[in-house]
Each structure stands twice: as C-alpha cells, then as structure tokens.
Amino acid sequence: MSQAIASTAYIIEIHSRAAGIVVRDGRGFRFHAATDDFTALEGQDFRSAGDAHKAALRLFEGLRPGRSLKLGVA
C-alpha cells in the first residue's frame, strides 16, 4: 500500500528566480533566503508556503524602482 508523503520543503520563486526555500518546521514553514534581496525574510515563520511566497512578492515589489533581482547567493 502506498502512502502520500507531503513535501517538507519548497522553492519560492519570484519572476522565475529563486528567492529562497521554505522548510516545514513544526506547524509552519521557515524561510531561508537564496539571495541578498530576500534576507529580510530570513528565518521568518509562515503558516504556509503560499504565505511565504506572498511575503517574498511584497518584498520584491517594494524594492527601489529599476532595481533587478540579484543573482548572488545570500
């Protein structure tokens, strides 16, 4: 008999670029930034991977106009 196993980690992407990953931590998900642009979210806990994605998108949209995502590692 096979059992469904829920994923414990998800990649969060903004405009096809990795913002970070979220890892299941107890009842929620903890964010780990992939680039310097998202270090403000580093270590924050979210109820769901979707909530973490929304936070990353809000952060990205708040960046200075004309600034693009960095490709470097956090």
PDB file of N, CA and C in Angstrom:
ATOM      1  N   MET A   1       0.838  -1.165   0.000  1.00  0.00           N
ATOM      2  CA  MET A   1       0.000   0.000   0.000  1.00  0.00           C
ATOM      3  C   MET A   1       0.890   1.238   0.000  1.00  0.00           C
ATOM      4  N   SER A   2       0.637   2.179  -0.888  1.00  0.00           N
ATOM      5  CA  SER A   2       1.443   3.395  -0.921  1.00  0.00           C
ATOM      6  C   SER A   2       0.765   4.498  -0.106  1.00  0.00           C
ATOM      7  N   GLN A   3       1.591   5.327   0.473  1.00  0.00           N
ATOM      8  CA  GLN A   3       1.096   6.446   1.250  1.00  0.00           C
ATOM      9  C   GLN A   3       1.602   7.732   0.641  1.00  0.00           C
ATOM     10  N   ALA A   4       0.753   8.765   0.653  1.00  0.00           N
ATOM     11  CA  ALA A   4       1.167  10.077   0.174  1.00  0.00           C
ATOM     12  C   ALA A   4       2.024  10.745   1.242  1.00  0.00           C
ATOM     13  N   ILE A   5       3.133  11.299   0.814  1.00  0.00           N
ATOM     14  CA  ILE A   5       4.021  11.993   1.734  1.00  0.00           C
ATOM     15  C   ILE A   5       4.048  13.462   1.318  1.00  0.00           C
ATOM     16  N   ALA A   6       3.697  14.339   2.241  1.00  0.00           N
ATOM     17  CA  ALA A   6       3.705  15.769   1.959  1.00  0.00           C
ATOM     18  C   ALA A   6       5.151  16.261   1.906  1.00  0.00           C
ATOM     19  N   SER A   7       5.425  17.147   0.971  1.00  0.00           N
ATOM     20  CA  SER A   7       6.756  17.713   0.854  1.00  0.00           C
ATOM     21  C   SER A   7       7.063  18.564   2.083  1.00  0.00           C
ATOM     22  N   THR A   8       8.307  18.556   2.483  1.00  0.00           N
ATOM     23  CA  THR A   8       8.707  19.336   3.643  1.00  0.00           C
ATOM     24  C   THR A   8       9.474  20.596   3.270  1.00  0.00           C
ATOM     25  N   ALA A   9       9.769  20.781   1.987  1.00  0.00           N
ATOM     26  CA  ALA A   9      10.487  21.971   1.541  1.00  0.00           C
ATOM     27  C   ALA A   9       9.987  22.391   0.164  1.00  0.00           C
ATOM     28  N   TYR A  10       9.947  23.696  -0.038  1.00  0.00           N
ATOM     29  CA  TYR A  10       9.505  24.254  -1.320  1.00  0.00           C
ATOM     30  C   TYR A  10      10.430  25.391  -1.718  1.00  0.00           C
ATOM     31  N   ILE A  11      10.689  25.499  -3.004  1.00  0.00           N
ATOM     32  CA  ILE A  11      11.439  26.639  -3.539  1.00  0.00           C
ATOM     33  C   ILE A  11      10.449  27.762  -3.774  1.00  0.00           C
ATOM     34  N   ILE A  12      10.805  28.963  -3.320  1.00  0.00           N
ATOM     35  CA  ILE A  12       9.983  30.144  -3.549  1.00  0.00           C
ATOM     36  C   ILE A  12      10.645  30.931  -4.677  1.00  0.00           C
ATOM     37  N   GLU A  13       9.913  31.111  -5.770  1.00  0.00           N
ATOM     38  CA  GLU A  13      10.431  31.850  -6.921  1.00  0.00           C
ATOM     39  C   GLU A  13       9.620  33.108  -7.153  1.00  0.00           C
ATOM     40  N   ILE A  14      10.322  34.171  -7.523  1.00  0.00           N
ATOM     41  CA  ILE A  14       9.696  35.426  -7.909  1.00  0.00           C
ATOM     42  C   ILE A  14      10.208  35.745  -9.305  1.00  0.00           C
ATOM     43  N   HIS A  15       9.315  35.850 -10.251  1.00  0.00           N
ATOM     44  CA  HIS A  15       9.673  36.120 -11.658  1.00  0.00           C
ATOM     45  C   HIS A  15      10.739  35.137 -12.147  1.00  0.00           C
ATOM     46  N   SER A  16      10.526  33.861 -11.898  1.00  0.00           N
ATOM     47  CA  SER A  16      11.368  32.755 -12.351  1.00  0.00           C
ATOM     48  C   SER A  16      12.764  32.731 -11.737  1.00  0.00           C
ATOM     49  N   ARG A  17      12.963  33.465 -10.631  1.00  0.00           N
ATOM     50  CA  ARG A  17      14.250  33.435  -9.940  1.00  0.00           C
ATOM     51  C   ARG A  17      14.034  33.000  -8.502  1.00  0.00           C
ATOM     52  N   ALA A  18      14.937  32.204  -7.997  1.00  0.00           N
ATOM     53  CA  ALA A  18      14.811  31.702  -6.625  1.00  0.00           C
ATOM     54  C   ALA A  18      14.951  32.846  -5.628  1.00  0.00           C
ATOM     55  N   ALA A  19      13.954  32.984  -4.767  1.00  0.00           N
ATOM     56  CA  ALA A  19      14.005  33.949  -3.671  1.00  0.00           C
ATOM     57  C   ALA A  19      14.511  33.249  -2.416  1.00  0.00           C
ATOM     58  N   GLY A  20      14.135  31.985  -2.271  1.00  0.00           N
ATOM     59  CA  GLY A  20      14.542  31.212  -1.110  1.00  0.00           C
ATOM     60  C   GLY A  20      13.823  29.882  -1.078  1.00  0.00           C
ATOM     61  N   ILE A  21      13.986  29.197   0.019  1.00  0.00           N
ATOM     62  CA  ILE A  21      13.239  27.964   0.230  1.00  0.00           C
ATOM     63  C   ILE A  21      12.510  28.085   1.562  1.00  0.00           C
ATOM     64  N   VAL A  22      11.421  27.364   1.679  1.00  0.00           N
ATOM     65  CA  VAL A  22      10.745  27.236   2.969  1.00  0.00           C
ATOM     66  C   VAL A  22      10.777  25.770   3.357  1.00  0.00           C
ATOM     67  N   VAL A  23      11.044  25.530   4.629  1.00  0.00           N
ATOM     68  CA  VAL A  23      11.150  24.181   5.149  1.00  0.00           C
ATOM     69  C   VAL A  23      10.126  24.023   6.265  1.00  0.00           C
ATOM     70  N   ARG A  24       9.377  22.922   6.208  1.00  0.00           N
ATOM     71  CA  ARG A  24       8.385  22.671   7.252  1.00  0.00           C
ATOM     72  C   ARG A  24       9.092  22.610   8.601  1.00  0.00           C
ATOM     73  N   ASP A  25       8.548  23.363   9.545  1.00  0.00           N
ATOM     74  CA  ASP A  25       9.134  23.467  10.877  1.00  0.00           C
ATOM     75  C   ASP A  25       7.990  23.451  11.884  1.00  0.00           C
ATOM     76  N   GLY A  26       7.661  22.274  12.365  1.00  0.00           N
ATOM     77  CA  GLY A  26       6.515  22.163  13.271  1.00  0.00           C
ATOM     78  C   GLY A  26       5.220  22.358  12.509  1.00  0.00           C
ATOM     79  N   ARG A  27       4.469  23.371  12.886  1.00  0.00           N
ATOM     80  CA  ARG A  27       3.173  23.624  12.236  1.00  0.00           C
ATOM     81  C   ARG A  27       3.263  24.578  11.058  1.00  0.00           C
ATOM     82  N   GLY A  28       4.420  25.163  10.809  1.00  0.00           N
ATOM     83  CA  GLY A  28       4.548  26.143   9.740  1.00  0.00           C
ATOM     84  C   GLY A  28       5.764  25.885   8.871  1.00  0.00           C
ATOM     85  N   PHE A  29       6.185  26.944   8.199  1.00  0.00           N
ATOM     86  CA  PHE A  29       7.323  26.878   7.284  1.00  0.00           C
ATOM     87  C   PHE A  29       8.287  28.004   7.604  1.00  0.00           C
ATOM     88  N   ARG A  30       9.573  27.693   7.641  1.00  0.00           N
ATOM     89  CA  ARG A  30      10.599  28.698   7.901  1.00  0.00           C
ATOM     90  C   ARG A  30      11.288  29.054   6.590  1.00  0.00           C
ATOM     91  N   PHE A  31      11.463  30.369   6.362  1.00  0.00           N
ATOM     92  CA  PHE A  31      12.056  30.886   5.129  1.00  0.00           C
ATOM     93  C   PHE A  31      13.569  30.964   5.254  1.00  0.00           C
ATOM     94  N   HIS A  32      14.262  30.547   4.180  1.00  0.00           N
ATOM     95  CA  HIS A  32      15.715  30.655   4.077  1.00  0.00           C
ATOM     96  C   HIS A  32      16.019  31.338   2.741  1.00  0.00           C
ATOM     97  N   ALA A  33      16.602  32.530   2.807  1.00  0.00           N
ATOM     98  CA  ALA A  33      16.835  33.350   1.616  1.00  0.00           C
ATOM     99  C   ALA A  33      17.878  32.734   0.693  1.00  0.00           C
ATOM    100  N   ALA A  34      17.625  32.846  -0.608  1.00  0.00           N
ATOM    101  CA  ALA A  34      18.574  32.375  -1.621  1.00  0.00           C
ATOM    102  C   ALA A  34      19.449  33.513  -2.136  1.00  0.00           C
ATOM    103  N   THR A  35      18.971  34.752  -2.010  1.00  0.00           N
ATOM    104  CA  THR A  35      19.730  35.912  -2.468  1.00  0.00           C
ATOM    105  C   THR A  35      19.635  37.026  -1.433  1.00  0.00           C
ATOM    106  N   ASP A  36      20.537  37.985  -1.550  1.00  0.00           N
ATOM    107  CA  ASP A  36      20.561  39.124  -0.634  1.00  0.00           C
ATOM    108  C   ASP A  36      19.256  39.906  -0.637  1.00  0.00           C
ATOM    109  N   ASP A  37      18.562  39.940  -1.763  1.00  0.00           N
ATOM    110  CA  ASP A  37      17.315  40.701  -1.862  1.00  0.00           C
ATOM    111  C   ASP A  37      16.249  40.206  -0.894  1.00  0.00           C
ATOM    112  N   PHE A  38      16.361  38.979  -0.416  1.00  0.00           N
ATOM    113  CA  PHE A  38      15.321  38.397   0.424  1.00  0.00           C
ATOM    114  C   PHE A  38      15.795  38.069   1.839  1.00  0.00           C
ATOM    115  N   THR A  39      16.940  38.603   2.251  1.00  0.00           N
ATOM    116  CA  THR A  39      17.428  38.326   3.599  1.00  0.00           C
ATOM    117  C   THR A  39      16.513  38.902   4.678  1.00  0.00           C
ATOM    118  N   ALA A  40      15.697  39.874   4.344  1.00  0.00           N
ATOM    119  CA  ALA A  40      14.746  40.427   5.321  1.00  0.00           C
ATOM    120  C   ALA A  40      13.753  39.362   5.786  1.00  0.00           C
ATOM    121  N   LEU A  41      13.563  38.327   4.986  1.00  0.00           N
ATOM    122  CA  LEU A  41      12.635  37.247   5.341  1.00  0.00           C
ATOM    123  C   LEU A  41      13.337  36.061   6.012  1.00  0.00           C
ATOM    124  N   GLU A  42      14.655  36.112   6.056  1.00  0.00           N
ATOM    125  CA  GLU A  42      15.448  35.003   6.600  1.00  0.00           C
ATOM    126  C   GLU A  42      14.984  34.625   8.008  1.00  0.00           C
ATOM    127  N   GLY A  43      14.669  33.350   8.192  1.00  0.00           N
ATOM    128  CA  GLY A  43      14.287  32.844   9.497  1.00  0.00           C
ATOM    129  C   GLY A  43      12.846  33.097   9.912  1.00  0.00           C
ATOM    130  N   GLN A  44      12.094  33.845   9.094  1.00  0.00           N
ATOM    131  CA  GLN A  44      10.695  34.113   9.453  1.00  0.00           C
ATOM    132  C   GLN A  44       9.852  32.856   9.260  1.00  0.00           C
ATOM    133  N   ASP A  45       8.864  32.720  10.119  1.00  0.00           N
ATOM    134  CA  ASP A  45       7.948  31.585  10.043  1.00  0.00           C
ATOM    135  C   ASP A  45       6.641  32.001   9.376  1.00  0.00           C
ATOM    136  N   PHE A  46       6.104  31.096   8.553  1.00  0.00           N
ATOM    137  CA  PHE A  46       4.859  31.331   7.833  1.00  0.00           C
ATOM    138  C   PHE A  46       3.942  30.135   8.024  1.00  0.00           C
ATOM    139  N   ARG A  47       2.637  30.387   7.966  1.00  0.00           N
ATOM    140  CA  ARG A  47       1.663  29.304   8.118  1.00  0.00           C
ATOM    141  C   ARG A  47       1.705  28.340   6.951  1.00  0.00           C
ATOM    142  N   SER A  48       2.054  28.852   5.761  1.00  0.00           N
ATOM    143  CA  SER A  48       2.074  28.010   4.566  1.00  0.00           C
ATOM    144  C   SER A  48       3.158  28.494   3.617  1.00  0.00           C
ATOM    145  N   ALA A  49       3.500  27.641   2.650  1.00  0.00           N
ATOM    146  CA  ALA A  49       4.446  28.048   1.608  1.00  0.00           C
ATOM    147  C   ALA A  49       3.859  29.192   0.791  1.00  0.00           C
ATOM    148  N   GLY A  50       2.545  29.186   0.598  1.00  0.00           N
ATOM    149  CA  GLY A  50       1.885  30.263  -0.144  1.00  0.00           C
ATOM    150  C   GLY A  50       2.021  31.600   0.564  1.00  0.00           C
ATOM    151  N   ASP A  51       1.921  31.601   1.889  1.00  0.00           N
ATOM    152  CA  ASP A  51       2.098  32.845   2.647  1.00  0.00           C
ATOM    153  C   ASP A  51       3.531  33.365   2.505  1.00  0.00           C
ATOM    154  N   ALA A  52       4.499  32.462   2.485  1.00  0.00           N
ATOM    155  CA  ALA A  52       5.900  32.867   2.303  1.00  0.00           C
ATOM    156  C   ALA A  52       6.096  33.458   0.909  1.00  0.00           C
ATOM    157  N   HIS A  53       5.463  32.865  -0.088  1.00  0.00           N
ATOM    158  CA  HIS A  53       5.561  33.393  -1.451  1.00  0.00           C
ATOM    159  C   HIS A  53       4.980  34.799  -1.525  1.00  0.00           C
ATOM    160  N   LYS A  54       3.830  35.003  -0.896  1.00  0.00           N
ATOM    161  CA  LYS A  54       3.206  36.342  -0.896  1.00  0.00           C
ATOM    162  C   LYS A  54       4.117  37.368  -0.234  1.00  0.00           C
ATOM    163  N   ALA A  55       4.767  36.988   0.864  1.00  0.00           N
ATOM    164  CA  ALA A  55       5.672  37.908   1.557  1.00  0.00           C
ATOM    165  C   ALA A  55       6.878  38.247   0.679  1.00  0.00           C
ATOM    166  N   ALA A  56       7.416  37.249  -0.009  1.00  0.00           N
ATOM    167  CA  ALA A  56       8.558  37.483  -0.899  1.00  0.00           C
ATOM    168  C   ALA A  56       8.156  38.389  -2.054  1.00  0.00           C
ATOM    169  N   LEU A  57       6.962  38.200  -2.576  1.00  0.00           N
ATOM    170  CA  LEU A  57       6.484  39.048  -3.668  1.00  0.00           C
ATOM    171  C   LEU A  57       6.300  40.488  -3.192  1.00  0.00           C
ATOM    172  N   ARG A  58       5.716  40.670  -2.002  1.00  0.00           N
ATOM    173  CA  ARG A  58       5.550  42.025  -1.454  1.00  0.00           C
ATOM    174  C   ARG A  58       6.908  42.687  -1.252  1.00  0.00           C
ATOM    175  N   LEU A  59       7.881  41.930  -0.743  1.00  0.00           N
ATOM    176  CA  LEU A  59       9.220  42.470  -0.545  1.00  0.00           C
ATOM    177  C   LEU A  59       9.830  42.872  -1.879  1.00  0.00           C
ATOM    178  N   PHE A  60       9.719  42.014  -2.880  1.00  0.00           N
ATOM    179  CA  PHE A  60      10.270  42.315  -4.198  1.00  0.00           C
ATOM    180  C   PHE A  60       9.629  43.573  -4.781  1.00  0.00           C
ATOM    181  N   GLU A  61       8.316  43.691  -4.656  1.00  0.00           N
ATOM    182  CA  GLU A  61       7.614  44.848  -5.212  1.00  0.00           C
ATOM    183  C   GLU A  61       7.995  46.137  -4.493  1.00  0.00           C
ATOM    184  N   GLY A  62       8.506  46.019  -3.266  1.00  0.00           N
ATOM    185  CA  GLY A  62       8.923  47.192  -2.514  1.00  0.00           C
ATOM    186  C   GLY A  62      10.343  47.635  -2.798  1.00  0.00           C
ATOM    187  N   LEU A  63      11.074  46.872  -3.613  1.00  0.00           N
ATOM    188  CA  LEU A  63      12.435  47.272  -3.967  1.00  0.00           C
ATOM    189  C   LEU A  63      12.407  48.569  -4.758  1.00  0.00           C
ATOM    190  N   ARG A  64      13.493  49.298  -4.716  1.00  0.00           N
ATOM    191  CA  ARG A  64      13.574  50.560  -5.455  1.00  0.00           C
ATOM    192  C   ARG A  64      13.239  50.342  -6.928  1.00  0.00           C
ATOM    193  N   PRO A  65      12.520  51.291  -7.534  1.00  0.00           N
ATOM    194  CA  PRO A  65      12.214  51.173  -8.973  1.00  0.00           C
ATOM    195  C   PRO A  65      13.496  51.026  -9.789  1.00  0.00           C
ATOM    196  N   GLY A  66      13.443  50.148 -10.762  1.00  0.00           N
ATOM    197  CA  GLY A  66      14.578  49.937 -11.648  1.00  0.00           C
ATOM    198  C   GLY A  66      15.600  48.952 -11.122  1.00  0.00           C
ATOM    199  N   ARG A  67      15.444  48.520  -9.898  1.00  0.00           N
ATOM    200  CA  ARG A  67      16.389  47.556  -9.326  1.00  0.00           C
ATOM    201  C   ARG A  67      15.955  46.154  -9.708  1.00  0.00           C
ATOM    202  N   SER A  68      16.881  45.365 -10.171  1.00  0.00           N
ATOM    203  CA  SER A  68      16.560  43.984 -10.542  1.00  0.00           C
ATOM    204  C   SER A  68      17.015  43.046  -9.448  1.00  0.00           C
ATOM    205  N   LEU A  69      16.528  41.824  -9.487  1.00  0.00           N
ATOM    206  CA  LEU A  69      16.939  40.811  -8.525  1.00  0.00           C
ATOM    207  C   LEU A  69      18.408  40.479  -8.698  1.00  0.00           C
ATOM    208  N   LYS A  70      19.095  40.296  -7.595  1.00  0.00           N
ATOM    209  CA  LYS A  70      20.493  39.870  -7.641  1.00  0.00           C
ATOM    210  C   LYS A  70      20.537  38.380  -7.911  1.00  0.00           C
ATOM    211  N   LEU A  71      21.586  37.933  -8.538  1.00  0.00           N
ATOM    212  CA  LEU A  71      21.755  36.525  -8.802  1.00  0.00           C
ATOM    213  C   LEU A  71      22.690  35.869  -7.807  1.00  0.00           C
ATOM    214  N   GLY A  72      23.311  36.648  -6.919  1.00  0.00           N
ATOM    215  CA  GLY A  72      24.253  36.105  -5.955  1.00  0.00           C
ATOM    216  C   GLY A  72      23.561  35.345  -4.847  1.00  0.00           C
ATOM    217  N   VAL A  73      24.334  34.608  -4.115  1.00  0.00           N
ATOM    218  CA  VAL A  73      23.824  33.805  -3.008  1.00  0.00           C
ATOM    219  C   VAL A  73      23.848  34.652  -1.735  1.00  0.00           C
ATOM    220  N   ALA A  74      22.859  34.454  -0.883  1.00  0.00           N
ATOM    221  CA  ALA A  74      22.784  35.202   0.374  1.00  0.00           C
ATOM    222  C   ALA A  74      23.905  34.799   1.307  1.00  0.00           C
TER     223      ALA A  74
END
